[in-house]
């Protein structure tokens, strides 16, 4: 799969291609706590803006954002941040 070049903004990369995450990605614990408080916020902090936005909107329709949905979003944000910190390229829709 072709990699977006450094001169192509992240927003210009296709929805299925890997992209460079923000260099200042917060720690795994920070994004996990952010997603526990506001589902999708951890993904947004990891640079997965569309995915995080959809999780946020979805959480508003499922139990007002409380419960199991928060735990799943927090676990996903934690694993995505771990992969970014390890130097992996994470796709915009990649989970866990």
Protein backbone atom coordinates (compact mmCIF):
# COMPACT_ATOMS: atom_id res chain seq x y z
CA UNK A 1 0.00 0.00 0.00
CA UNK A 2 1.56 3.36 -0.96
CA UNK A 3 2.57 5.67 1.84
CA UNK A 4 1.50 9.33 1.73
CA UNK A 5 4.50 11.55 1.09
CA UNK A 6 5.69 14.04 3.68
CA UNK A 7 4.40 16.87 1.51
CA UNK A 8 0.84 15.48 1.44
CA UNK A 9 -1.21 16.65 4.43
CA UNK A 10 -2.80 13.94 6.56
CA UNK A 11 -6.26 15.11 5.53
CA UNK A 12 -5.35 14.45 1.88
CA UNK A 13 -4.42 10.80 2.53
CA UNK A 14 -7.10 8.32 1.56
CA UNK A 15 -9.37 6.99 4.29
CA UNK A 16 -7.79 3.54 4.09
CA UNK A 17 -4.10 4.47 3.82
CA UNK A 18 -1.74 4.74 6.79
CA UNK A 19 -0.79 8.22 7.87
CA UNK A 20 1.74 9.89 10.08
CA UNK A 21 0.30 10.48 13.53
CA UNK A 22 0.92 13.77 15.29
CA UNK A 23 4.49 13.82 16.67
CA UNK A 24 3.24 15.12 20.01
CA UNK A 25 0.82 12.25 20.67
CA UNK A 26 -0.06 12.16 24.38
CA UNK A 27 0.84 9.17 26.53
CA UNK A 28 -1.19 5.99 26.44
CA UNK A 29 -2.64 6.72 29.89
CA UNK A 30 -3.70 10.23 28.84
CA UNK A 31 -5.57 9.08 25.73
CA UNK A 32 -7.15 6.19 27.63
CA UNK A 33 -8.45 8.53 30.35
CA UNK A 34 -9.61 11.02 27.72
CA UNK A 35 -11.68 8.30 26.02
CA UNK A 36 -13.08 7.14 29.35
CA UNK A 37 -14.32 10.66 30.04
CA UNK A 38 -15.36 11.49 26.46
CA UNK A 39 -15.53 8.50 24.08
CA UNK A 40 -13.59 9.26 20.92
CA UNK A 41 -11.41 11.99 22.42
CA UNK A 42 -8.45 9.61 22.76
CA UNK A 43 -8.67 8.69 19.08
CA UNK A 44 -8.84 12.38 18.15
CA UNK A 45 -5.72 13.05 20.25
CA UNK A 46 -3.99 10.20 18.37
CA UNK A 47 -4.78 11.86 15.04
CA UNK A 48 -7.71 9.60 14.10
CA UNK A 49 -10.12 12.55 13.91
CA UNK A 50 -12.88 11.02 11.77
CA UNK A 51 -12.86 7.76 13.74
CA UNK A 52 -12.92 9.67 17.04
CA UNK A 53 -15.74 11.89 15.83
CA UNK A 54 -17.84 8.89 14.83
CA UNK A 55 -17.20 7.24 18.19
CA UNK A 56 -18.22 10.47 19.93
CA UNK A 57 -21.44 10.78 17.92
CA UNK A 58 -22.17 7.07 18.32
CA UNK A 59 -21.73 7.29 22.07
CA UNK A 60 -24.37 10.01 22.23
CA UNK A 61 -26.88 7.54 20.79
CA UNK A 62 -25.77 4.53 22.86
CA UNK A 63 -26.45 5.03 26.55
CA UNK A 64 -25.44 8.69 26.44
CA UNK A 65 -21.78 7.70 26.34
CA UNK A 66 -21.76 5.71 29.56
CA UNK A 67 -20.80 2.12 30.11
CA UNK A 68 -19.17 -0.51 27.96
CA UNK A 69 -18.81 1.81 24.95
CA UNK A 70 -16.48 4.05 27.01
CA UNK A 71 -14.33 1.08 28.01
CA UNK A 72 -13.98 -0.10 24.42
CA UNK A 73 -13.09 3.40 23.20
CA UNK A 74 -10.55 3.80 26.03
CA UNK A 75 -8.90 0.44 25.28
CA UNK A 76 -8.71 1.29 21.58
CA UNK A 77 -7.17 4.72 22.25
CA UNK A 78 -4.59 3.14 24.59
CA UNK A 79 -3.51 0.53 22.01
CA UNK A 80 -3.37 3.06 19.17
CA UNK A 81 -1.20 5.38 21.28
CA UNK A 82 1.07 2.42 22.16
CA UNK A 83 1.55 1.65 18.48
CA UNK A 84 2.27 5.30 17.65
CA UNK A 85 4.81 5.56 20.49
CA UNK A 86 6.47 2.36 19.20
CA UNK A 87 6.98 4.06 15.84
CA UNK A 88 4.34 2.13 13.92
CA UNK A 89 2.30 3.84 11.23
CA UNK A 90 -1.33 3.63 12.25
CA UNK A 91 -4.13 3.90 9.73
CA UNK A 92 -7.03 6.28 10.32
CA UNK A 93 -9.43 3.40 11.02
CA UNK A 94 -7.00 0.95 12.65
CA UNK A 95 -8.23 -0.40 15.95
CA UNK A 96 -6.52 -2.17 18.80
